[in-house]
Amino acid sequence: MTIASRLLSRAVVGGMLSTMWLLRHVDRTLIGNRPRRSDDEFQRDPYPTFEILRNNGPIIRSHANRGWIVVGYPEVQDALKNPLLSSDLRRNRFFLWLLQAATGEHPVPFIDNPPMLNQDPPNHTRLRKLASAGFTNRFVRSLEPNISARIDEMLDRVTGRGHFDIIASLAEPLPAVIIADMMGVPEREQHRFITWSHDLLGATVVDRPELIERAARAEQEMRAYLIELITQKQQDPGDDFISRLVQSHMENDSLTRDEVISTCILLLAAGHETTTRLIGNGIYTLATHPDQLARLRANPALRENAIEEILRFEPPVQMTLRFVAQDHDFHGRAFRKGQMIMLNFAAATRDPRINERPGEFDIDRQDIKHVSFGYGIHLCLGSTLARMEARLALDALLDRYESFELMEQEQCWQGNPFFRGMDRLFVHARPAA
């Protein structure tokens, strides 16, 4: 790409972002009582903003998004199973144009070779059935001893320290190592998955072209690595996820090499980052609610329910996108072809019509409702694995330490609006007797 064309792309992106900023101002004017909060305030605690949005109705017109924001729980659920709302990013020209201009000479992440998450039936149905062969319940359950051993190794490294960073010591490396183990990646190569995973999420930050470009490079690097690994697995298959994908067949159909690669990249980007945030958000939430932490220590049977309440109260995935495939009415709103629909999971899980006292964190809560792993045909394929990793991490921390308290530190919530989690989380931990 020439310097002139790169400058032109940057100018185009700059102009489009200026337009988005103006449209956001229009949104604030039209949506009554929207709080005038700084980016830092929103980053620390987005939920007051979501509550005020929800008070304006479950579905809100958004000019900045060229479409709508859905914040009500029943409406989000209905949108996730609405066949007239597409997961294919290519259906929205503005969004696609912005990504293409930002990446310059690089392929657009998740566009040129979209994973099943960004595809619609019937191809999504085909890909999910084939990919699910690598995610059988038996296979996932078989990983539990390895996950527990990895957790012990990681916590052994910080044994004897008065304080440590939960994110760097456990929440970040654990899911990456487990996914790499699942794929059959040699241990000496596993550190690269953490870097790739972080960079890939930059593709969702449309107003940061440098992050989108970095995500594109990460996807290219991982794709090149996986091509070599898949070739090895074809020649010498083992009992790992990639070998299972390569050998997966259904009615004389099988995954192509590009489809295997896209599935693996999706697993890394979605599985690693979601689980990292689930563990980190869980420890943060329990530490800031000592009464609930005490109840959890007193009653270990509540641990699985506590994971569900963490998913509801501080969902790692805050929102996702859909695109209108054809004109239709949705809960009294006129959706028009090509419009972008932002489905706000974090607002929906605190909808008082569905969960009573939604602003309270309560591990005894019954009939917990959330959409933190999606819903319908796009329900997260790795949700069982994510829950298992979070539960085993929580078990190990509670069993090893009789108490842990947050240390004074700067707020370090990450800035990506689609995901919620911390860059670091220092705790003072007292070992159990």
Protein backbone atom coordinates (compact mmCIF):
# COMPACT_ATOMS: atom_id res chain seq x y z
CA MET A 1 0.00 0.00 0.00
CA THR A 2 1.48 3.36 -1.01
CA ILE A 3 1.93 6.23 1.45
CA ALA A 4 -0.64 8.26 -0.48
CA SER A 5 -3.28 5.53 -0.36
CA ARG A 6 -2.61 4.95 3.35
CA LEU A 7 -3.06 8.67 4.05
CA LEU A 8 -6.26 8.63 2.02
CA SER A 9 -7.57 5.68 4.04
CA ARG A 10 -6.74 7.47 7.28
CA ALA A 11 -8.53 10.59 6.03
CA VAL A 12 -11.59 8.53 5.11
CA VAL A 13 -11.64 6.87 8.54
CA GLY A 14 -11.16 10.23 10.24
CA GLY A 15 -14.09 11.71 8.36
CA MET A 16 -16.32 8.76 9.14
CA LEU A 17 -15.40 8.89 12.83
CA SER A 18 -16.18 12.61 12.95
CA THR A 19 -19.59 11.83 11.49
CA MET A 20 -20.13 9.12 14.12
CA TRP A 21 -19.21 11.58 16.88
CA LEU A 22 -21.81 14.07 15.62
CA LEU A 23 -24.45 11.35 15.40
CA ARG A 24 -23.69 10.28 18.97
CA HIS A 25 -24.38 13.87 20.02
CA VAL A 26 -27.71 13.65 18.19
CA ASP A 27 -28.47 10.41 20.07
CA ARG A 28 -27.73 12.07 23.42
CA THR A 29 -30.05 14.94 22.54
CA LEU A 30 -32.91 12.71 21.41
CA ILE A 31 -32.63 10.16 24.22
CA GLY A 32 -33.99 12.10 27.16
CA ASN A 33 -32.16 12.11 30.50
CA ARG A 34 -29.11 10.36 29.10
CA PRO A 35 -26.32 10.99 31.64
CA ARG A 36 -23.42 13.19 30.67
CA ARG A 37 -20.71 10.82 31.84
CA SER A 38 -17.05 10.82 30.91
CA ASP A 39 -15.45 7.85 29.15
CA ASP A 40 -13.60 7.00 32.38
CA GLU A 41 -16.83 7.00 34.38
CA PHE A 42 -18.54 4.76 31.83
CA GLN A 43 -15.54 2.44 31.73
CA ARG A 44 -15.57 2.01 35.52
CA ASP A 45 -19.32 1.46 35.72
CA PRO A 46 -21.45 1.37 32.55
CA TYR A 47 -24.61 0.18 34.29
CA PRO A 48 -26.12 3.57 35.26
CA THR A 49 -26.00 4.52 31.58
CA PHE A 50 -27.62 1.22 30.60
CA GLU A 51 -30.36 1.75 33.20
CA ILE A 52 -31.26 5.16 31.81
CA LEU A 53 -31.26 3.76 28.28
CA ARG A 54 -33.59 0.99 29.43
CA ASN A 55 -35.89 3.56 31.06
CA ASN A 56 -36.36 5.06 27.60
CA GLY A 57 -37.71 1.77 26.34
CA PRO A 58 -36.46 -1.72 25.49
CA ILE A 59 -35.55 -0.69 21.91
CA ILE A 60 -33.96 2.69 21.17
CA ARG A 61 -33.26 4.39 17.87
CA SER A 62 -29.54 5.10 17.39
CA HIS A 63 -28.31 7.38 14.62
CA ALA A 64 -24.67 6.75 15.52
CA ASN A 65 -25.17 3.02 15.00
CA ARG A 66 -27.21 3.55 11.83
CA GLY A 67 -29.92 1.49 13.47
CA TRP A 68 -31.14 0.50 16.92
CA ILE A 69 -30.01 -0.49 20.43
CA VAL A 70 -31.91 -3.31 22.14
CA VAL A 71 -31.64 -3.22 25.94
CA GLY A 72 -34.64 -5.22 27.21
CA TYR A 73 -34.16 -8.89 28.10
CA PRO A 74 -37.16 -10.40 26.23
CA GLU A 75 -36.38 -8.23 23.23
CA VAL A 76 -32.69 -9.27 23.19
CA GLN A 77 -33.71 -12.93 23.39
CA ASP A 78 -36.19 -12.48 20.53
CA ALA A 79 -33.57 -10.66 18.45
CA LEU A 80 -31.06 -13.48 18.97
CA LYS A 81 -33.53 -15.99 17.50
CA ASN A 82 -34.94 -13.67 14.81
CA PRO A 83 -34.11 -15.16 11.37
CA LEU A 84 -34.48 -11.72 9.77
CA LEU A 85 -31.51 -10.40 11.78
CA SER A 86 -28.20 -11.49 10.30
CA SER A 87 -24.85 -12.14 11.98
CA ASP A 88 -23.00 -11.44 8.73
CA LEU A 89 -20.98 -8.21 9.08
CA ARG A 90 -20.94 -7.87 5.30
CA ARG A 91 -24.62 -6.87 5.33
CA ASN A 92 -23.79 -3.39 6.70
CA ARG A 93 -21.89 -1.34 4.13
CA PHE A 94 -20.93 1.45 6.53
CA PHE A 95 -19.43 -0.92 9.10
CA LEU A 96 -17.65 -2.95 6.41
CA TRP A 97 -16.32 0.19 4.71
CA LEU A 98 -14.95 1.48 8.01
CA LEU A 99 -13.15 -1.80 8.71
CA GLN A 100 -11.74 -1.99 5.18
CA ALA A 101 -10.47 1.59 5.30
CA ALA A 102 -8.88 1.02 8.72
CA THR A 103 -7.02 -2.17 7.79
CA GLY A 104 -5.55 -0.79 4.59
CA GLU A 105 -3.64 -3.53 2.81
CA HIS A 106 -4.49 -6.21 5.38
CA PRO A 107 -7.47 -8.59 5.06
CA VAL A 108 -10.36 -7.56 7.29
CA PRO A 109 -10.53 -9.78 10.43
CA PHE A 110 -13.56 -12.09 10.55
CA ILE A 111 -14.78 -10.78 7.17
CA ASP A 112 -12.77 -12.39 4.39
CA ASN A 113 -12.97 -15.84 6.03
CA PRO A 114 -15.85 -15.43 8.49
CA PRO A 115 -16.19 -17.94 11.36
CA MET A 116 -19.54 -19.55 12.06
CA LEU A 117 -20.32 -16.81 14.62
CA ASN A 118 -20.56 -14.36 11.70
CA GLN A 119 -22.55 -16.62 9.40
CA ASP A 120 -26.25 -17.38 9.01
CA PRO A 121 -28.12 -20.60 8.27
CA PRO A 122 -27.84 -22.80 6.37
CA ASN A 123 -24.04 -22.49 6.35
CA HIS A 124 -23.92 -21.69 10.06
CA THR A 125 -25.94 -24.83 10.80
CA ARG A 126 -23.55 -26.95 8.76
CA LEU A 127 -20.41 -25.45 10.37
CA ARG A 128 -21.75 -25.75 13.91
CA LYS A 129 -22.70 -29.40 13.49
CA LEU A 130 -19.26 -30.23 12.15
CA ALA A 131 -17.40 -28.14 14.75
CA SER A 132 -19.44 -29.59 17.62
CA ALA A 133 -17.66 -32.91 16.99
CA GLY A 134 -14.66 -31.33 18.70
CA PHE A 135 -16.73 -30.11 21.64
CA THR A 136 -18.52 -33.19 22.90
CA ASN A 137 -19.44 -33.18 26.59
CA ARG A 138 -17.25 -36.23 27.08
CA PHE A 139 -14.24 -34.46 25.57
CA VAL A 140 -14.81 -31.29 27.63
CA ARG A 141 -15.22 -33.31 30.87
CA SER A 142 -12.00 -35.15 30.09
CA LEU A 143 -10.15 -31.82 30.31
CA GLU A 144 -10.99 -31.25 33.99
CA PRO A 145 -7.90 -32.97 35.49
CA ASN A 146 -5.60 -31.04 33.14
CA ILE A 147 -7.33 -27.74 33.94
CA SER A 148 -7.00 -28.38 37.68
CA ALA A 149 -3.32 -29.28 37.29
CA ARG A 150 -2.67 -26.11 35.27
CA ILE A 151 -4.40 -23.97 37.90
CA ASP A 152 -2.27 -25.55 40.63
CA GLU A 153 0.92 -24.87 38.63
CA MET A 154 -0.01 -21.22 38.17
CA LEU A 155 -0.95 -20.66 41.81
CA ASP A 156 2.15 -22.52 43.00
CA ARG A 157 4.23 -19.84 41.29
CA VAL A 158 2.75 -17.12 43.52
CA THR A 159 2.77 -19.17 46.72
CA GLY A 160 4.44 -17.25 49.52
CA ARG A 161 3.79 -13.84 48.00
CA GLY A 162 1.80 -11.42 50.09
CA HIS A 163 0.03 -10.15 47.02
CA PHE A 164 -0.24 -10.97 43.33
CA ASP A 165 -2.11 -10.03 40.17
CA ILE A 166 -5.02 -12.45 39.59
CA ILE A 167 -5.18 -11.52 35.90
CA ALA A 168 -1.51 -12.04 35.03
CA SER A 169 -1.06 -15.04 37.34
CA LEU A 170 -4.20 -17.02 36.55
CA ALA A 171 -7.13 -15.48 34.65
CA GLU A 172 -5.16 -14.54 31.53
CA PRO A 173 -2.80 -17.49 31.01
CA LEU A 174 -5.21 -20.28 32.03
CA PRO A 175 -7.73 -20.10 29.14
CA ALA A 176 -4.98 -19.54 26.55
CA VAL A 177 -3.01 -22.55 27.77
CA ILE A 178 -6.13 -24.74 27.92
CA ILE A 179 -7.18 -23.78 24.39
CA ALA A 180 -3.65 -24.34 23.12
CA ASP A 181 -3.59 -27.74 24.86
CA MET A 182 -6.95 -28.56 23.28
CA MET A 183 -5.64 -27.68 19.85
CA GLY A 184 -2.51 -29.74 20.34
CA VAL A 185 -0.16 -26.76 20.26
CA PRO A 186 3.33 -27.47 21.66
CA GLU A 187 3.87 -25.81 25.04
CA ARG A 188 6.81 -23.74 23.77
CA GLU A 189 4.43 -22.00 21.32
CA GLN A 190 1.52 -21.34 23.67
CA HIS A 191 2.61 -17.88 24.81
CA ARG A 192 1.88 -16.55 21.31
CA PHE A 193 -1.83 -17.29 21.77
CA ILE A 194 -2.21 -14.68 24.51
CA THR A 195 -0.79 -11.93 22.28
CA TRP A 196 -2.90 -13.00 19.30
CA SER A 197 -6.02 -13.16 21.45
CA HIS A 198 -5.58 -9.61 22.77
CA ASP A 199 -4.87 -8.23 19.31
CA LEU A 200 -7.82 -9.98 17.65
CA LEU A 201 -10.32 -8.22 19.91
CA GLY A 202 -9.17 -4.88 18.51
CA ALA A 203 -11.25 -5.63 15.41
CA THR A 204 -14.37 -4.63 17.41
CA VAL A 205 -13.13 -1.10 18.23
CA VAL A 206 -14.21 0.72 15.09
CA ASP A 207 -12.98 4.13 16.24
CA ARG A 208 -9.41 2.88 16.76
CA PRO A 209 -8.00 2.10 13.27
CA GLU A 210 -4.61 1.12 14.70
CA LEU A 211 -6.26 -1.64 16.77
CA ILE A 212 -8.16 -2.94 13.74
CA GLU A 213 -4.92 -3.03 11.76
CA ARG A 214 -3.16 -4.88 14.59
CA ALA A 215 -6.03 -7.38 14.69
CA ALA A 216 -5.63 -7.98 10.97
CA ARG A 217 -1.93 -8.73 11.42
CA ALA A 218 -2.68 -11.08 14.32
CA GLU A 219 -5.21 -12.98 12.23
CA GLN A 220 -2.70 -13.36 9.38
CA GLU A 221 0.01 -14.60 11.77
CA MET A 222 -2.29 -17.09 13.45
CA ARG A 223 -3.65 -18.29 10.12
CA ALA A 224 -0.11 -19.00 8.87
CA TYR A 225 0.70 -20.87 12.09
CA LEU A 226 -2.48 -22.94 11.94
CA ILE A 227 -1.89 -23.95 8.33
CA GLU A 228 1.32 -25.68 9.41
CA LEU A 229 -0.31 -27.22 12.48
CA ILE A 230 -3.31 -28.55 10.51
CA THR A 231 -0.96 -30.14 7.98
CA GLN A 232 0.81 -31.94 10.84
CA LYS A 233 -2.50 -33.13 12.32
CA GLN A 234 -3.66 -34.46 8.95
CA GLN A 235 -0.52 -36.55 8.70
CA ASP A 236 -0.37 -37.58 12.36
CA PRO A 237 -3.75 -37.02 14.10
CA GLY A 238 -4.07 -37.15 17.88
CA ASP A 239 -6.77 -36.75 20.51
CA ASP A 240 -6.96 -32.96 20.20
CA PHE A 241 -9.47 -30.41 18.93
CA ILE A 242 -7.81 -29.75 15.56
CA SER A 243 -7.47 -33.47 14.83
CA ARG A 244 -11.16 -33.88 15.64
CA LEU A 245 -12.10 -31.00 13.32
CA VAL A 246 -9.94 -32.34 10.50
CA GLN A 247 -11.55 -35.77 10.84
CA SER A 248 -15.09 -34.45 11.38
CA HIS A 249 -17.54 -35.76 8.77
CA MET A 250 -21.30 -35.46 8.40
CA GLU A 251 -23.26 -36.91 5.49
CA ASN A 252 -20.22 -36.96 3.20
CA ASP A 253 -19.39 -33.37 4.23
CA SER A 254 -16.35 -32.09 6.10
CA LEU A 255 -14.75 -28.80 7.07
CA THR A 256 -12.41 -27.18 4.59
CA ARG A 257 -8.99 -26.05 5.75
CA ASP A 258 -10.15 -22.41 5.86
CA GLU A 259 -13.16 -23.42 7.94
CA VAL A 260 -10.96 -25.30 10.41
CA ILE A 261 -8.72 -22.23 10.68
CA SER A 262 -11.66 -19.84 11.18
CA THR A 263 -13.14 -22.12 13.86
CA CYS A 264 -9.82 -22.23 15.73
CA ILE A 265 -9.39 -18.44 15.54
CA LEU A 266 -12.94 -17.98 16.84
CA LEU A 267 -12.25 -20.38 19.71
CA LEU A 268 -9.15 -18.42 20.65
CA ALA A 269 -10.67 -14.94 20.40
CA ALA A 270 -14.01 -15.77 22.00
CA GLY A 271 -13.04 -18.55 24.40
CA HIS A 272 -9.86 -17.12 25.83
CA GLU A 273 -10.95 -13.53 26.36
CA THR A 274 -14.41 -14.43 27.68
CA THR A 275 -13.06 -16.85 30.27
CA THR A 276 -10.27 -14.48 31.34
CA ARG A 277 -12.86 -11.80 32.04
CA LEU A 278 -15.25 -14.22 33.73
CA ILE A 279 -12.56 -15.26 36.24
CA GLY A 280 -11.32 -11.70 36.81
CA ASN A 281 -14.81 -10.19 37.06
CA GLY A 282 -15.80 -12.96 39.45
CA ILE A 283 -12.94 -12.37 41.87
CA TYR A 284 -13.44 -8.60 41.71
CA THR A 285 -17.18 -8.89 42.34
CA LEU A 286 -16.78 -11.30 45.26
CA ALA A 287 -14.03 -9.18 46.82
CA THR A 288 -16.23 -6.08 46.61
CA HIS A 289 -19.17 -8.00 48.16
CA PRO A 290 -17.56 -9.57 51.28
CA ASP A 291 -20.92 -10.76 52.63
CA GLN A 292 -21.45 -12.86 49.50
CA LEU A 293 -17.87 -14.14 49.61
CA ALA A 294 -18.43 -15.25 53.21
CA ARG A 295 -21.62 -17.08 52.20
CA LEU A 296 -19.74 -18.81 49.40
CA ARG A 297 -17.02 -19.98 51.79
CA ALA A 298 -19.63 -21.25 54.23
CA ASN A 299 -21.55 -23.12 51.52
CA PRO A 300 -19.38 -24.51 48.67
CA ALA A 301 -22.54 -25.94 47.06
CA LEU A 302 -23.31 -22.39 45.92
CA ARG A 303 -20.23 -22.14 43.71
CA GLU A 304 -21.92 -23.09 40.44
CA ASN A 305 -24.81 -20.73 41.16
CA ALA A 306 -22.28 -18.02 41.98
CA ILE A 307 -20.75 -18.41 38.50
CA GLU A 308 -24.19 -17.83 36.93
CA GLU A 309 -24.78 -14.75 39.08
CA ILE A 310 -21.36 -13.38 38.09
CA LEU A 311 -22.27 -13.92 34.44
CA ARG A 312 -25.48 -11.97 35.02
CA PHE A 313 -24.07 -9.18 37.18
CA GLU A 314 -20.76 -8.54 35.36
CA PRO A 315 -21.05 -10.24 31.93
CA PRO A 316 -17.70 -10.56 30.14
CA VAL A 317 -19.41 -9.99 26.78
CA GLN A 318 -21.41 -6.78 27.08
CA MET A 319 -23.00 -6.63 23.64
CA THR A 320 -23.05 -8.00 20.12
CA LEU A 321 -24.24 -6.90 16.68
CA ARG A 322 -26.88 -8.00 14.22
CA PHE A 323 -27.82 -6.61 10.81
CA VAL A 324 -31.30 -6.36 9.32
CA ALA A 325 -31.58 -8.78 6.40
CA GLN A 326 -34.95 -7.46 5.19
CA ASP A 327 -37.51 -4.86 6.24
CA HIS A 328 -39.79 -5.98 9.06
CA ASP A 329 -41.47 -4.83 12.27
CA PHE A 330 -39.86 -5.92 15.53
CA HIS A 331 -41.69 -5.25 18.79
CA GLY A 332 -43.38 -2.24 17.21
CA ARG A 333 -40.23 -0.80 15.63
CA ALA A 334 -39.66 -0.54 11.88
CA PHE A 335 -36.37 -2.32 11.16
CA ARG A 336 -35.00 -1.54 7.71
CA LYS A 337 -32.68 -3.64 5.58
CA GLY A 338 -28.99 -2.97 6.29
CA GLN A 339 -29.51 -1.28 9.66
CA MET A 340 -27.18 -2.25 12.48
CA ILE A 341 -28.78 -3.61 15.66
CA MET A 342 -26.73 -3.49 18.87
CA LEU A 343 -27.90 -6.11 21.35
CA ASN A 344 -26.86 -5.02 24.84
CA PHE A 345 -26.47 -8.15 26.99
CA ALA A 346 -25.30 -6.20 30.03
CA ALA A 347 -28.40 -4.00 30.04
CA ALA A 348 -30.70 -6.96 29.39
CA THR A 349 -29.44 -9.05 32.32
CA ARG A 350 -30.36 -6.19 34.67
CA ASP A 351 -33.88 -5.83 33.27
CA PRO A 352 -36.16 -5.70 36.36
CA ARG A 353 -38.95 -7.35 34.37
CA ILE A 354 -36.88 -10.55 34.38
CA ASN A 355 -34.53 -10.48 37.39
CA GLU A 356 -35.79 -8.93 40.64
CA ARG A 357 -33.41 -6.52 42.38
CA PRO A 358 -31.16 -6.61 39.29
CA GLY A 359 -28.61 -4.17 40.74
CA GLU A 360 -27.88 -6.49 43.68
CA PHE A 361 -25.26 -9.24 43.55
CA ASP A 362 -26.81 -12.29 45.21
CA ILE A 363 -25.27 -15.77 44.88
CA ASP A 364 -28.44 -17.26 46.41
CA ARG A 365 -30.55 -15.84 43.57
CA GLN A 366 -32.92 -18.41 42.12
CA ASP A 367 -33.82 -18.84 38.44
CA ILE A 368 -30.99 -16.59 37.23
CA LYS A 369 -31.61 -15.33 33.72
CA HIS A 370 -28.83 -14.03 31.48
CA VAL A 371 -27.72 -14.09 27.86
CA SER A 372 -24.02 -13.78 28.57
CA PHE A 373 -23.23 -16.77 26.34
CA GLY A 374 -25.73 -15.74 23.70
CA TYR A 375 -28.98 -17.52 22.93
CA GLY A 376 -30.55 -19.66 20.24
CA ILE A 377 -28.52 -20.99 17.34
CA HIS A 378 -25.50 -18.86 18.29
CA LEU A 379 -25.31 -20.04 21.90
CA CYS A 380 -21.59 -20.19 22.70
CA LEU A 381 -20.17 -23.58 21.75
CA GLY A 382 -17.57 -23.33 24.54
CA SER A 383 -19.88 -22.22 27.35
CA THR A 384 -19.51 -25.51 29.24
CA LEU A 385 -15.73 -25.25 29.09
CA ALA A 386 -15.76 -21.60 30.22
CA ARG A 387 -17.99 -22.43 33.20
CA MET A 388 -15.73 -25.35 34.13
CA GLU A 389 -12.56 -23.25 34.03
CA ALA A 390 -14.16 -20.47 36.10
CA ARG A 391 -15.51 -22.93 38.67
CA LEU A 392 -12.20 -24.78 39.04
CA ALA A 393 -10.30 -21.47 39.35
CA LEU A 394 -12.75 -20.28 42.01
CA ASP A 395 -12.51 -23.62 43.85
CA ALA A 396 -8.71 -23.43 43.93
CA LEU A 397 -8.61 -19.83 45.14
CA LEU A 398 -11.16 -20.39 47.90
CA ASP A 399 -9.47 -23.61 49.04
CA ARG A 400 -5.95 -22.16 49.06
CA TYR A 401 -6.69 -18.79 50.65
CA GLU A 402 -8.73 -18.06 53.73
CA SER A 403 -9.13 -14.47 52.58
CA PHE A 404 -8.22 -12.17 49.76
CA GLU A 405 -8.75 -8.44 49.60
CA LEU A 406 -8.35 -5.96 46.77
CA MET A 407 -5.26 -3.81 47.04
CA GLU A 408 -5.46 -0.10 46.39
CA GLN A 409 -4.87 0.39 42.70
CA GLU A 410 -5.95 2.55 39.81
CA GLN A 411 -9.13 1.49 38.10
CA CYS A 412 -7.99 -0.66 35.19
CA TRP A 413 -11.13 -1.73 33.37
CA GLN A 414 -10.35 -2.30 29.72
CA GLY A 415 -11.75 0.19 27.22
CA ASN A 416 -13.35 -2.13 24.64
CA PRO A 417 -17.13 -1.49 24.89
CA PHE A 418 -18.02 -5.00 23.67
CA PHE A 419 -16.14 -6.74 26.49
CA ARG A 420 -15.80 -6.03 30.19
CA GLY A 421 -12.75 -7.02 32.15
CA MET A 422 -9.62 -5.77 33.88
CA ASP A 423 -6.05 -5.47 32.70
CA ARG A 424 -4.80 -6.23 36.21
CA LEU A 425 -6.30 -7.08 39.57
CA PHE A 426 -3.93 -7.11 42.55
CA VAL A 427 -5.13 -8.91 45.67
CA HIS A 428 -3.68 -9.46 49.13
CA ALA A 429 -4.19 -13.16 49.83
CA ARG A 430 -3.81 -14.98 53.14
CA PRO A 431 -3.10 -18.72 52.74
CA ALA A 432 -5.43 -21.15 54.42
CA ALA A 433 -4.09 -22.92 57.51
